[in-house]
Amino acid sequence: MIVSSTVEQREFAGFTEFYPAYLSEHSHRVNRQLHFLGSTLALLSLLLLAVTHQWWWLPVALACGYGFAWIGHFAVEKNQPTTFRHPLWSFAGDWVMYWQMLTGQLSF
């Protein structure tokens, strides 16, 4: 069963207000780990696109980035991805969260 998300039901004045709510939708560590894995694979796919000039790496990057994140939300966190309602802020939130995990500011 998918529960509704508090992020999905709110409007935000800016990213600074959005990000804490975004993090609350990523409270389960396995969800964060899946986001990190998907983002890493997306970055590697984009690197391969740049090196090989084979454009089929672009949909691979999108599938990795969004696929792992959505599995984390639907199967683990049991909520809807924030990207459905706030796509740009959610995209930015993914990379801020990724950086914070990479630098040890946020736990895996």
PDB file of N, CA and C in Angstrom:
ATOM      1  N   MET A   1       0.841  -1.183   0.000  1.00  0.00           N
ATOM      2  CA  MET A   1       0.000   0.000   0.000  1.00  0.00           C
ATOM      3  C   MET A   1       0.888   1.249   0.000  1.00  0.00           C
ATOM      4  N   ILE A   2       0.598   2.177  -0.888  1.00  0.00           N
ATOM      5  CA  ILE A   2       1.346   3.424  -0.975  1.00  0.00           C
ATOM      6  C   ILE A   2       0.599   4.485  -0.171  1.00  0.00           C
ATOM      7  N   VAL A   3       1.296   5.113   0.753  1.00  0.00           N
ATOM      8  CA  VAL A   3       0.693   6.190   1.528  1.00  0.00           C
ATOM      9  C   VAL A   3       0.978   7.510   0.845  1.00  0.00           C
ATOM     10  N   SER A   4       0.134   8.476   1.042  1.00  0.00           N
ATOM     11  CA  SER A   4       0.369   9.772   0.424  1.00  0.00           C
ATOM     12  C   SER A   4       1.519  10.472   1.132  1.00  0.00           C
ATOM     13  N   SER A   5       2.168  11.309   0.386  1.00  0.00           N
ATOM     14  CA  SER A   5       3.351  11.985   0.882  1.00  0.00           C
ATOM     15  C   SER A   5       3.018  13.386   1.349  1.00  0.00           C
ATOM     16  N   THR A   6       3.615  13.800   2.459  1.00  0.00           N
ATOM     17  CA  THR A   6       3.411  15.167   2.925  1.00  0.00           C
ATOM     18  C   THR A   6       4.061  16.161   1.971  1.00  0.00           C
ATOM     19  N   VAL A   7       5.147  15.759   1.325  1.00  0.00           N
ATOM     20  CA  VAL A   7       5.797  16.628   0.348  1.00  0.00           C
ATOM     21  C   VAL A   7       4.874  16.841  -0.845  1.00  0.00           C
ATOM     22  N   GLU A   8       4.170  15.801  -1.236  1.00  0.00           N
ATOM     23  CA  GLU A   8       3.279  15.876  -2.391  1.00  0.00           C
ATOM     24  C   GLU A   8       2.116  16.838  -2.160  1.00  0.00           C
ATOM     25  N   GLN A   9       1.709  17.017  -0.925  1.00  0.00           N
ATOM     26  CA  GLN A   9       0.512  17.794  -0.628  1.00  0.00           C
ATOM     27  C   GLN A   9       0.806  19.245  -0.267  1.00  0.00           C
ATOM     28  N   ARG A  10       2.060  19.663  -0.283  1.00  0.00           N
ATOM     29  CA  ARG A  10       2.432  21.002   0.161  1.00  0.00           C
ATOM     30  C   ARG A  10       3.000  21.828  -0.969  1.00  0.00           C
ATOM     31  N   GLU A  11       2.909  23.111  -0.792  1.00  0.00           N
ATOM     32  CA  GLU A  11       3.624  24.053  -1.650  1.00  0.00           C
ATOM     33  C   GLU A  11       4.746  24.651  -0.814  1.00  0.00           C
ATOM     34  N   PHE A  12       5.850  24.965  -1.439  1.00  0.00           N
ATOM     35  CA  PHE A  12       7.027  25.449  -0.727  1.00  0.00           C
ATOM     36  C   PHE A  12       7.451  26.794  -1.287  1.00  0.00           C
ATOM     37  N   ALA A  13       7.954  27.640  -0.399  1.00  0.00           N
ATOM     38  CA  ALA A  13       8.402  28.971  -0.807  1.00  0.00           C
ATOM     39  C   ALA A  13       9.721  28.905  -1.565  1.00  0.00           C
ATOM     40  N   GLY A  14      10.512  27.881  -1.331  1.00  0.00           N
ATOM     41  CA  GLY A  14      11.802  27.748  -1.997  1.00  0.00           C
ATOM     42  C   GLY A  14      12.447  26.417  -1.647  1.00  0.00           C
ATOM     43  N   PHE A  15      13.607  26.180  -2.241  1.00  0.00           N
ATOM     44  CA  PHE A  15      14.299  24.918  -2.024  1.00  0.00           C
ATOM     45  C   PHE A  15      14.707  24.738  -0.565  1.00  0.00           C
ATOM     46  N   THR A  16      15.095  25.816   0.099  1.00  0.00           N
ATOM     47  CA  THR A  16      15.508  25.743   1.504  1.00  0.00           C
ATOM     48  C   THR A  16      14.377  25.210   2.376  1.00  0.00           C
ATOM     49  N   GLU A  17      13.163  25.559   2.065  1.00  0.00           N
ATOM     50  CA  GLU A  17      12.001  25.037   2.800  1.00  0.00           C
ATOM     51  C   GLU A  17      11.664  23.623   2.343  1.00  0.00           C
ATOM     52  N   PHE A  18      11.879  23.330   1.066  1.00  0.00           N
ATOM     53  CA  PHE A  18      11.555  22.030   0.490  1.00  0.00           C
ATOM     54  C   PHE A  18      12.476  20.916   0.989  1.00  0.00           C
ATOM     55  N   TYR A  19      13.765  21.198   1.081  1.00  0.00           N
ATOM     56  CA  TYR A  19      14.743  20.136   1.322  1.00  0.00           C
ATOM     57  C   TYR A  19      14.526  19.359   2.625  1.00  0.00           C
ATOM     58  N   PRO A  20      14.233  19.993   3.759  1.00  0.00           N
ATOM     59  CA  PRO A  20      13.954  19.182   4.961  1.00  0.00           C
ATOM     60  C   PRO A  20      12.756  18.241   4.780  1.00  0.00           C
ATOM     61  N   ALA A  21      11.731  18.695   4.088  1.00  0.00           N
ATOM     62  CA  ALA A  21      10.586  17.822   3.814  1.00  0.00           C
ATOM     63  C   ALA A  21      10.998  16.689   2.875  1.00  0.00           C
ATOM     64  N   TYR A  22      11.847  17.011   1.911  1.00  0.00           N
ATOM     65  CA  TYR A  22      12.376  16.002   0.991  1.00  0.00           C
ATOM     66  C   TYR A  22      13.129  14.926   1.770  1.00  0.00           C
ATOM     67  N   LEU A  23      13.988  15.352   2.684  1.00  0.00           N
ATOM     68  CA  LEU A  23      14.739  14.386   3.489  1.00  0.00           C
ATOM     69  C   LEU A  23      13.817  13.508   4.330  1.00  0.00           C
ATOM     70  N   SER A  24      12.713  14.073   4.794  1.00  0.00           N
ATOM     71  CA  SER A  24      11.780  13.280   5.597  1.00  0.00           C
ATOM     72  C   SER A  24      11.147  12.155   4.777  1.00  0.00           C
ATOM     73  N   GLU A  25      11.107  12.317   3.471  1.00  0.00           N
ATOM     74  CA  GLU A  25      10.578  11.272   2.584  1.00  0.00           C
ATOM     75  C   GLU A  25      11.639  10.217   2.263  1.00  0.00           C
ATOM     76  N   HIS A  26      12.842  10.401   2.814  1.00  0.00           N
ATOM     77  CA  HIS A  26      13.952   9.481   2.592  1.00  0.00           C
ATOM     78  C   HIS A  26      14.524   9.022   3.935  1.00  0.00           C
ATOM     79  N   SER A  27      13.645   8.693   4.862  1.00  0.00           N
ATOM     80  CA  SER A  27      14.089   8.343   6.213  1.00  0.00           C
ATOM     81  C   SER A  27      14.637   6.927   6.303  1.00  0.00           C
ATOM     82  N   HIS A  28      14.231   6.043   5.425  1.00  0.00           N
ATOM     83  CA  HIS A  28      14.698   4.657   5.460  1.00  0.00           C
ATOM     84  C   HIS A  28      16.063   4.576   4.774  1.00  0.00           C
ATOM     85  N   ARG A  29      17.028   4.009   5.463  1.00  0.00           N
ATOM     86  CA  ARG A  29      18.394   3.984   4.924  1.00  0.00           C
ATOM     87  C   ARG A  29      18.498   3.198   3.619  1.00  0.00           C
ATOM     88  N   VAL A  30      17.699   2.151   3.438  1.00  0.00           N
ATOM     89  CA  VAL A  30      17.745   1.391   2.184  1.00  0.00           C
ATOM     90  C   VAL A  30      17.267   2.263   1.016  1.00  0.00           C
ATOM     91  N   ASN A  31      16.279   3.096   1.264  1.00  0.00           N
ATOM     92  CA  ASN A  31      15.834   4.032   0.233  1.00  0.00           C
ATOM     93  C   ASN A  31      16.970   4.977  -0.153  1.00  0.00           C
ATOM     94  N   ARG A  32      17.663   5.526   0.823  1.00  0.00           N
ATOM     95  CA  ARG A  32      18.799   6.411   0.539  1.00  0.00           C
ATOM     96  C   ARG A  32      19.901   5.658  -0.203  1.00  0.00           C
ATOM     97  N   GLN A  33      20.148   4.422   0.188  1.00  0.00           N
ATOM     98  CA  GLN A  33      21.171   3.620  -0.484  1.00  0.00           C
ATOM     99  C   GLN A  33      20.801   3.365  -1.944  1.00  0.00           C
ATOM    100  N   LEU A  34      19.529   3.080  -2.190  1.00  0.00           N
ATOM    101  CA  LEU A  34      19.085   2.872  -3.570  1.00  0.00           C
ATOM    102  C   LEU A  34      19.215   4.160  -4.387  1.00  0.00           C
ATOM    103  N   HIS A  35      18.894   5.288  -3.779  1.00  0.00           N
ATOM    104  CA  HIS A  35      19.086   6.575  -4.460  1.00  0.00           C
ATOM    105  C   HIS A  35      20.569   6.779  -4.803  1.00  0.00           C
ATOM    106  N   PHE A  36      21.440   6.510  -3.845  1.00  0.00           N
ATOM    107  CA  PHE A  36      22.866   6.697  -4.063  1.00  0.00           C
ATOM    108  C   PHE A  36      23.375   5.778  -5.172  1.00  0.00           C
ATOM    109  N   LEU A  37      22.969   4.518  -5.150  1.00  0.00           N
ATOM    110  CA  LEU A  37      23.374   3.563  -6.173  1.00  0.00           C
ATOM    111  C   LEU A  37      22.883   4.010  -7.551  1.00  0.00           C
ATOM    112  N   GLY A  38      21.606   4.377  -7.633  1.00  0.00           N
ATOM    113  CA  GLY A  38      21.056   4.815  -8.916  1.00  0.00           C
ATOM    114  C   GLY A  38      21.732   6.066  -9.444  1.00  0.00           C
ATOM    115  N   SER A  39      22.013   7.011  -8.571  1.00  0.00           N
ATOM    116  CA  SER A  39      22.683   8.243  -8.992  1.00  0.00           C
ATOM    117  C   SER A  39      24.113   7.965  -9.451  1.00  0.00           C
ATOM    118  N   THR A  40      24.798   7.078  -8.753  1.00  0.00           N
ATOM    119  CA  THR A  40      26.157   6.711  -9.145  1.00  0.00           C
ATOM    120  C   THR A  40      26.163   6.031 -10.509  1.00  0.00           C
ATOM    121  N   LEU A  41      25.240   5.102 -10.720  1.00  0.00           N
ATOM    122  CA  LEU A  41      25.143   4.434 -12.013  1.00  0.00           C
ATOM    123  C   LEU A  41      24.755   5.415 -13.121  1.00  0.00           C
ATOM    124  N   ALA A  42      23.906   6.378 -12.799  1.00  0.00           N
ATOM    125  CA  ALA A  42      23.536   7.407 -13.775  1.00  0.00           C
ATOM    126  C   ALA A  42      24.758   8.238 -14.161  1.00  0.00           C
ATOM    127  N   LEU A  43      25.557   8.631 -13.168  1.00  0.00           N
ATOM    128  CA  LEU A  43      26.780   9.390 -13.460  1.00  0.00           C
ATOM    129  C   LEU A  43      27.749   8.583 -14.310  1.00  0.00           C
ATOM    130  N   LEU A  44      27.907   7.311 -13.997  1.00  0.00           N
ATOM    131  CA  LEU A  44      28.789   6.448 -14.793  1.00  0.00           C
ATOM    132  C   LEU A  44      28.264   6.306 -16.223  1.00  0.00           C
ATOM    133  N   SER A  45      26.957   6.197 -16.367  1.00  0.00           N
ATOM    134  CA  SER A  45      26.360   6.103 -17.702  1.00  0.00           C
ATOM    135  C   SER A  45      26.595   7.382 -18.494  1.00  0.00           C
ATOM    136  N   LEU A  46      26.477   8.526 -17.836  1.00  0.00           N
ATOM    137  CA  LEU A  46      26.739   9.805 -18.515  1.00  0.00           C
ATOM    138  C   LEU A  46      28.214   9.933 -18.889  1.00  0.00           C
ATOM    139  N   LEU A  47      29.094   9.429 -18.043  1.00  0.00           N
ATOM    140  CA  LEU A  47      30.515   9.418 -18.369  1.00  0.00           C
ATOM    141  C   LEU A  47      30.768   8.548 -19.599  1.00  0.00           C
ATOM    142  N   LEU A  48      30.149   7.384 -19.633  1.00  0.00           N
ATOM    143  CA  LEU A  48      30.288   6.504 -20.795  1.00  0.00           C
ATOM    144  C   LEU A  48      29.713   7.148 -22.055  1.00  0.00           C
ATOM    145  N   LEU A  49      28.625   7.889 -21.910  1.00  0.00           N
ATOM    146  CA  LEU A  49      28.067   8.635 -23.041  1.00  0.00           C
ATOM    147  C   LEU A  49      29.099   9.638 -23.567  1.00  0.00           C
ATOM    148  N   ALA A  50      29.734  10.367 -22.656  1.00  0.00           N
ATOM    149  CA  ALA A  50      30.723  11.364 -23.055  1.00  0.00           C
ATOM    150  C   ALA A  50      31.948  10.730 -23.717  1.00  0.00           C
ATOM    151  N   VAL A  51      32.355   9.566 -23.227  1.00  0.00           N
ATOM    152  CA  VAL A  51      33.556   8.911 -23.754  1.00  0.00           C
ATOM    153  C   VAL A  51      33.273   8.204 -25.081  1.00  0.00           C
ATOM    154  N   THR A  52      32.137   7.512 -25.153  1.00  0.00           N
ATOM    155  CA  THR A  52      31.865   6.673 -26.331  1.00  0.00           C
ATOM    156  C   THR A  52      31.023   7.371 -27.393  1.00  0.00           C
ATOM    157  N   HIS A  53      30.354   8.447 -27.026  1.00  0.00           N
ATOM    158  CA  HIS A  53      29.417   9.157 -27.924  1.00  0.00           C
ATOM    159  C   HIS A  53      28.276   8.247 -28.393  1.00  0.00           C
ATOM    160  N   GLN A  54      27.980   7.236 -27.613  1.00  0.00           N
ATOM    161  CA  GLN A  54      26.854   6.352 -27.912  1.00  0.00           C
ATOM    162  C   GLN A  54      25.661   6.837 -27.103  1.00  0.00           C
ATOM    163  N   TRP A  55      24.677   7.386 -27.790  1.00  0.00           N
ATOM    164  CA  TRP A  55      23.565   8.076 -27.147  1.00  0.00           C
ATOM    165  C   TRP A  55      22.622   7.172 -26.379  1.00  0.00           C
ATOM    166  N   TRP A  56      22.735   5.863 -26.587  1.00  0.00           N
ATOM    167  CA  TRP A  56      21.865   4.963 -25.837  1.00  0.00           C
ATOM    168  C   TRP A  56      22.224   4.954 -24.351  1.00  0.00           C
ATOM    169  N   TRP A  57      23.382   5.531 -23.976  1.00  0.00           N
ATOM    170  CA  TRP A  57      23.716   5.638 -22.555  1.00  0.00           C
ATOM    171  C   TRP A  57      22.820   6.644 -21.838  1.00  0.00           C
ATOM    172  N   LEU A  58      22.228   7.590 -22.580  1.00  0.00           N
ATOM    173  CA  LEU A  58      21.348   8.575 -21.934  1.00  0.00           C
ATOM    174  C   LEU A  58      20.106   7.920 -21.324  1.00  0.00           C
ATOM    175  N   PRO A  59      19.352   7.102 -22.066  1.00  0.00           N
ATOM    176  CA  PRO A  59      18.218   6.440 -21.399  1.00  0.00           C
ATOM    177  C   PRO A  59      18.650   5.469 -20.293  1.00  0.00           C
ATOM    178  N   VAL A  60      19.841   4.896 -20.427  1.00  0.00           N
ATOM    179  CA  VAL A  60      20.356   4.036 -19.356  1.00  0.00           C
ATOM    180  C   VAL A  60      20.565   4.872 -18.092  1.00  0.00           C
ATOM    181  N   ALA A  61      21.138   6.066 -18.256  1.00  0.00           N
ATOM    182  CA  ALA A  61      21.351   6.957 -17.109  1.00  0.00           C
ATOM    183  C   ALA A  61      20.027   7.325 -16.452  1.00  0.00           C
ATOM    184  N   LEU A  62      19.031   7.682 -17.260  1.00  0.00           N
ATOM    185  CA  LEU A  62      17.715   8.041 -16.705  1.00  0.00           C
ATOM    186  C   LEU A  62      17.066   6.849 -16.008  1.00  0.00           C
ATOM    187  N   ALA A  63      17.159   5.673 -16.624  1.00  0.00           N
ATOM    188  CA  ALA A  63      16.564   4.473 -16.022  1.00  0.00           C
ATOM    189  C   ALA A  63      17.224   4.133 -14.694  1.00  0.00           C
ATOM    190  N   CYS A  64      18.542   4.269 -14.634  1.00  0.00           N
ATOM    191  CA  CYS A  64      19.253   3.990 -13.374  1.00  0.00           C
ATOM    192  C   CYS A  64      18.874   5.011 -12.303  1.00  0.00           C
ATOM    193  N   GLY A  65      18.958   6.280 -12.654  1.00  0.00           N
ATOM    194  CA  GLY A  65      18.692   7.330 -11.675  1.00  0.00           C
ATOM    195  C   GLY A  65      17.291   7.277 -11.114  1.00  0.00           C
ATOM    196  N   TYR A  66      16.319   7.212 -12.010  1.00  0.00           N
ATOM    197  CA  TYR A  66      14.932   7.199 -11.541  1.00  0.00           C
ATOM    198  C   TYR A  66      14.476   5.810 -11.111  1.00  0.00           C
ATOM    199  N   GLY A  67      14.926   4.781 -11.787  1.00  0.00           N
ATOM    200  CA  GLY A  67      14.484   3.420 -11.471  1.00  0.00           C
ATOM    201  C   GLY A  67      14.806   3.004 -10.051  1.00  0.00           C
ATOM    202  N   PHE A  68      16.064   3.166  -9.655  1.00  0.00           N
ATOM    203  CA  PHE A  68      16.454   2.784  -8.300  1.00  0.00           C
ATOM    204  C   PHE A  68      15.747   3.642  -7.251  1.00  0.00           C
ATOM    205  N   ALA A  69      15.605   4.938  -7.547  1.00  0.00           N
ATOM    206  CA  ALA A  69      14.927   5.830  -6.596  1.00  0.00           C
ATOM    207  C   ALA A  69      13.465   5.430  -6.427  1.00  0.00           C
ATOM    208  N   TRP A  70      12.800   5.154  -7.529  1.00  0.00           N
ATOM    209  CA  TRP A  70      11.382   4.805  -7.450  1.00  0.00           C
ATOM    210  C   TRP A  70      11.170   3.461  -6.771  1.00  0.00           C
ATOM    211  N   ILE A  71      12.069   2.523  -6.996  1.00  0.00           N
ATOM    212  CA  ILE A  71      11.986   1.252  -6.262  1.00  0.00           C
ATOM    213  C   ILE A  71      12.103   1.528  -4.766  1.00  0.00           C
ATOM    214  N   GLY A  72      13.022   2.415  -4.404  1.00  0.00           N
ATOM    215  CA  GLY A  72      13.185   2.773  -2.999  1.00  0.00           C
ATOM    216  C   GLY A  72      11.933   3.369  -2.391  1.00  0.00           C
ATOM    217  N   HIS A  73      11.227   4.179  -3.170  1.00  0.00           N
ATOM    218  CA  HIS A  73      10.005   4.795  -2.644  1.00  0.00           C
ATOM    219  C   HIS A  73       8.842   3.818  -2.600  1.00  0.00           C
ATOM    220  N   PHE A  74       8.579   3.139  -3.693  1.00  0.00           N
ATOM    221  CA  PHE A  74       7.408   2.265  -3.754  1.00  0.00           C
ATOM    222  C   PHE A  74       7.572   1.000  -2.917  1.00  0.00           C
ATOM    223  N   ALA A  75       8.761   0.381  -2.954  1.00  0.00           N
ATOM    224  CA  ALA A  75       8.949  -0.906  -2.285  1.00  0.00           C
ATOM    225  C   ALA A  75       9.457  -0.776  -0.853  1.00  0.00           C
ATOM    226  N   VAL A  76      10.241   0.253  -0.566  1.00  0.00           N
ATOM    227  CA  VAL A  76      10.874   0.356   0.748  1.00  0.00           C
ATOM    228  C   VAL A  76      10.190   1.414   1.611  1.00  0.00           C
ATOM    229  N   GLU A  77      10.159   2.627   1.110  1.00  0.00           N
ATOM    230  CA  GLU A  77       9.642   3.751   1.905  1.00  0.00           C
ATOM    231  C   GLU A  77       8.111   3.779   1.927  1.00  0.00           C
ATOM    232  N   LYS A  78       7.496   3.141   0.937  1.00  0.00           N
ATOM    233  CA  LYS A  78       6.026   3.081   0.813  1.00  0.00           C
ATOM    234  C   LYS A  78       5.406   4.474   0.673  1.00  0.00           C
ATOM    235  N   ASN A  79       6.047   5.313  -0.142  1.00  0.00           N
ATOM    236  CA  ASN A  79       5.492   6.630  -0.436  1.00  0.00           C
ATOM    237  C   ASN A  79       5.708   6.942  -1.917  1.00  0.00           C
ATOM    238  N   GLN A  80       5.144   8.030  -2.363  1.00  0.00           N
ATOM    239  CA  GLN A  80       5.298   8.424  -3.759  1.00  0.00           C
ATOM    240  C   GLN A  80       6.529   9.305  -3.917  1.00  0.00           C
ATOM    241  N   PRO A  81       7.286   9.100  -4.996  1.00  0.00           N
ATOM    242  CA  PRO A  81       8.454   9.957  -5.224  1.00  0.00           C
ATOM    243  C   PRO A  81       8.039  11.427  -5.345  1.00  0.00           C
ATOM    244  N   THR A  82       8.820  12.291  -4.748  1.00  0.00           N
ATOM    245  CA  THR A  82       8.516  13.725  -4.801  1.00  0.00           C
ATOM    246  C   THR A  82       8.652  14.284  -6.213  1.00  0.00           C
ATOM    247  N   THR A  83       9.318  13.559  -7.077  1.00  0.00           N
ATOM    248  CA  THR A  83       9.505  14.024  -8.446  1.00  0.00           C
ATOM    249  C   THR A  83       8.178  14.166  -9.194  1.00  0.00           C
ATOM    250  N   PHE A  84       7.135  13.485  -8.752  1.00  0.00           N
ATOM    251  CA  PHE A  84       5.834  13.576  -9.418  1.00  0.00           C
ATOM    252  C   PHE A  84       5.200  14.950  -9.234  1.00  0.00           C
ATOM    253  N   ARG A  85       5.477  15.587  -8.116  1.00  0.00           N
ATOM    254  CA  ARG A  85       4.856  16.887  -7.847  1.00  0.00           C
ATOM    255  C   ARG A  85       5.851  18.054  -7.953  1.00  0.00           C
ATOM    256  N   HIS A  86       7.084  17.807  -7.568  1.00  0.00           N
ATOM    257  CA  HIS A  86       8.120  18.848  -7.562  1.00  0.00           C
ATOM    258  C   HIS A  86       9.352  18.337  -8.327  1.00  0.00           C
ATOM    259  N   PRO A  87       9.245  18.181  -9.640  1.00  0.00           N
ATOM    260  CA  PRO A  87      10.332  17.525 -10.382  1.00  0.00           C
ATOM    261  C   PRO A  87      11.682  18.241 -10.309  1.00  0.00           C
ATOM    262  N   LEU A  88      11.710  19.549 -10.396  1.00  0.00           N
ATOM    263  CA  LEU A  88      12.996  20.260 -10.381  1.00  0.00           C
ATOM    264  C   LEU A  88      13.618  20.273  -8.991  1.00  0.00           C
ATOM    265  N   TRP A  89      12.813  20.563  -7.989  1.00  0.00           N
ATOM    266  CA  TRP A  89      13.332  20.559  -6.622  1.00  0.00           C
ATOM    267  C   TRP A  89      13.728  19.154  -6.193  1.00  0.00           C
ATOM    268  N   SER A  90      12.982  18.169  -6.629  1.00  0.00           N
ATOM    269  CA  SER A  90      13.307  16.791  -6.306  1.00  0.00           C
ATOM    270  C   SER A  90      14.638  16.391  -6.953  1.00  0.00           C
ATOM    271  N   PHE A  91      14.827  16.796  -8.201  1.00  0.00           N
ATOM    272  CA  PHE A  91      16.097  16.513  -8.893  1.00  0.00           C
ATOM    273  C   PHE A  91      17.261  17.158  -8.144  1.00  0.00           C
ATOM    274  N   ALA A  92      17.074  18.416  -7.763  1.00  0.00           N
ATOM    275  CA  ALA A  92      18.108  19.114  -6.993  1.00  0.00           C
ATOM    276  C   ALA A  92      18.313  18.432  -5.639  1.00  0.00           C
ATOM    277  N   GLY A  93      17.222  18.045  -4.996  1.00  0.00           N
ATOM    278  CA  GLY A  93      17.308  17.365  -3.704  1.00  0.00           C
ATOM    279  C   GLY A  93      18.077  16.060  -3.791  1.00  0.00           C
ATOM    280  N   ASP A  94      17.867  15.312  -4.887  1.00  0.00           N
ATOM    281  CA  ASP A  94      18.614  14.065  -5.084  1.00  0.00           C
ATOM    282  C   ASP A  94      20.115  14.318  -5.053  1.00  0.00           C
ATOM    283  N   TRP A  95      20.551  15.380  -5.738  1.00  0.00           N
ATOM    284  CA  TRP A  95      21.988  15.632  -5.837  1.00  0.00           C
ATOM    285  C   TRP A  95      22.549  16.252  -4.565  1.00  0.00           C
ATOM    286  N   VAL A  96      21.764  17.037  -3.863  1.00  0.00           N
ATOM    287  CA  VAL A  96      22.220  17.546  -2.564  1.00  0.00           C
ATOM    288  C   VAL A  96      22.350  16.379  -1.593  1.00  0.00           C
ATOM    289  N   MET A  97      21.349  15.497  -1.569  1.00  0.00           N
ATOM    290  CA  MET A  97      21.401  14.329  -0.699  1.00  0.00           C
ATOM    291  C   MET A  97      22.573  13.424  -1.087  1.00  0.00           C
ATOM    292  N   TYR A  98      22.806  13.237  -2.380  1.00  0.00           N
ATOM    293  CA  TYR A  98      23.926  12.430  -2.869  1.00  0.00           C
ATOM    294  C   TYR A  98      25.248  13.007  -2.340  1.00  0.00           C
ATOM    295  N   TRP A  99      25.427  14.316  -2.493  1.00  0.00           N
ATOM    296  CA  TRP A  99      26.652  14.970  -2.033  1.00  0.00           C
ATOM    297  C   TRP A  99      26.806  14.833  -0.519  1.00  0.00           C
ATOM    298  N   GLN A 100      25.721  14.998   0.208  1.00  0.00           N
ATOM    299  CA  GLN A 100      25.791  14.881   1.664  1.00  0.00           C
ATOM    300  C   GLN A 100      26.142  13.455   2.097  1.00  0.00           C
ATOM    301  N   MET A 101      25.639  12.449   1.384  1.00  0.00           N
ATOM    302  CA  MET A 101      26.013  11.066   1.695  1.00  0.00           C
ATOM    303  C   MET A 101      27.464  10.819   1.317  1.00  0.00           C
ATOM    304  N   LEU A 102      27.877  11.316   0.171  1.00  0.00           N
ATOM    305  CA  LEU A 102      29.238  11.112  -0.301  1.00  0.00           C
ATOM    306  C   LEU A 102      30.255  11.727   0.652  1.00  0.00           C
ATOM    307  N   THR A 103      29.923  12.874   1.226  1.00  0.00           N
ATOM    308  CA  THR A 103      30.849  13.591   2.111  1.00  0.00           C
ATOM    309  C   THR A 103      30.642  13.277   3.588  1.00  0.00           C
ATOM    310  N   GLY A 104      29.746  12.350   3.909  1.00  0.00           N
ATOM    311  CA  GLY A 104      29.550  11.925   5.290  1.00  0.00           C
ATOM    312  C   GLY A 104      28.652  12.844   6.114  1.00  0.00           C
ATOM    313  N   GLN A 105      28.011  13.812   5.490  1.00  0.00           N
ATOM    314  CA  GLN A 105      27.102  14.715   6.210  1.00  0.00           C
ATOM    315  C   GLN A 105      25.760  14.057   6.491  1.00  0.00           C
ATOM    316  N   LEU A 106      25.429  13.012   5.723  1.00  0.00           N
ATOM    317  CA  LEU A 106      24.179  12.282   5.857  1.00  0.00           C
ATOM    318  C   LEU A 106      24.523  10.800   5.794  1.00  0.00           C
ATOM    319  N   SER A 107      23.942  10.020   6.674  1.00  0.00           N
ATOM    320  CA  SER A 107      24.277   8.599   6.729  1.00  0.00           C
ATOM    321  C   SER A 107      23.632   7.829   5.585  1.00  0.00           C
ATOM    322  N   PHE A 108      24.299   6.740   5.240  1.00  0.00           N
ATOM    323  CA  PHE A 108      23.737   5.823   4.248  1.00  0.00           C
ATOM    324  C   PHE A 108      22.683   5.047   4.948  1.00  0.00           C
TER     325      PHE A 108
END
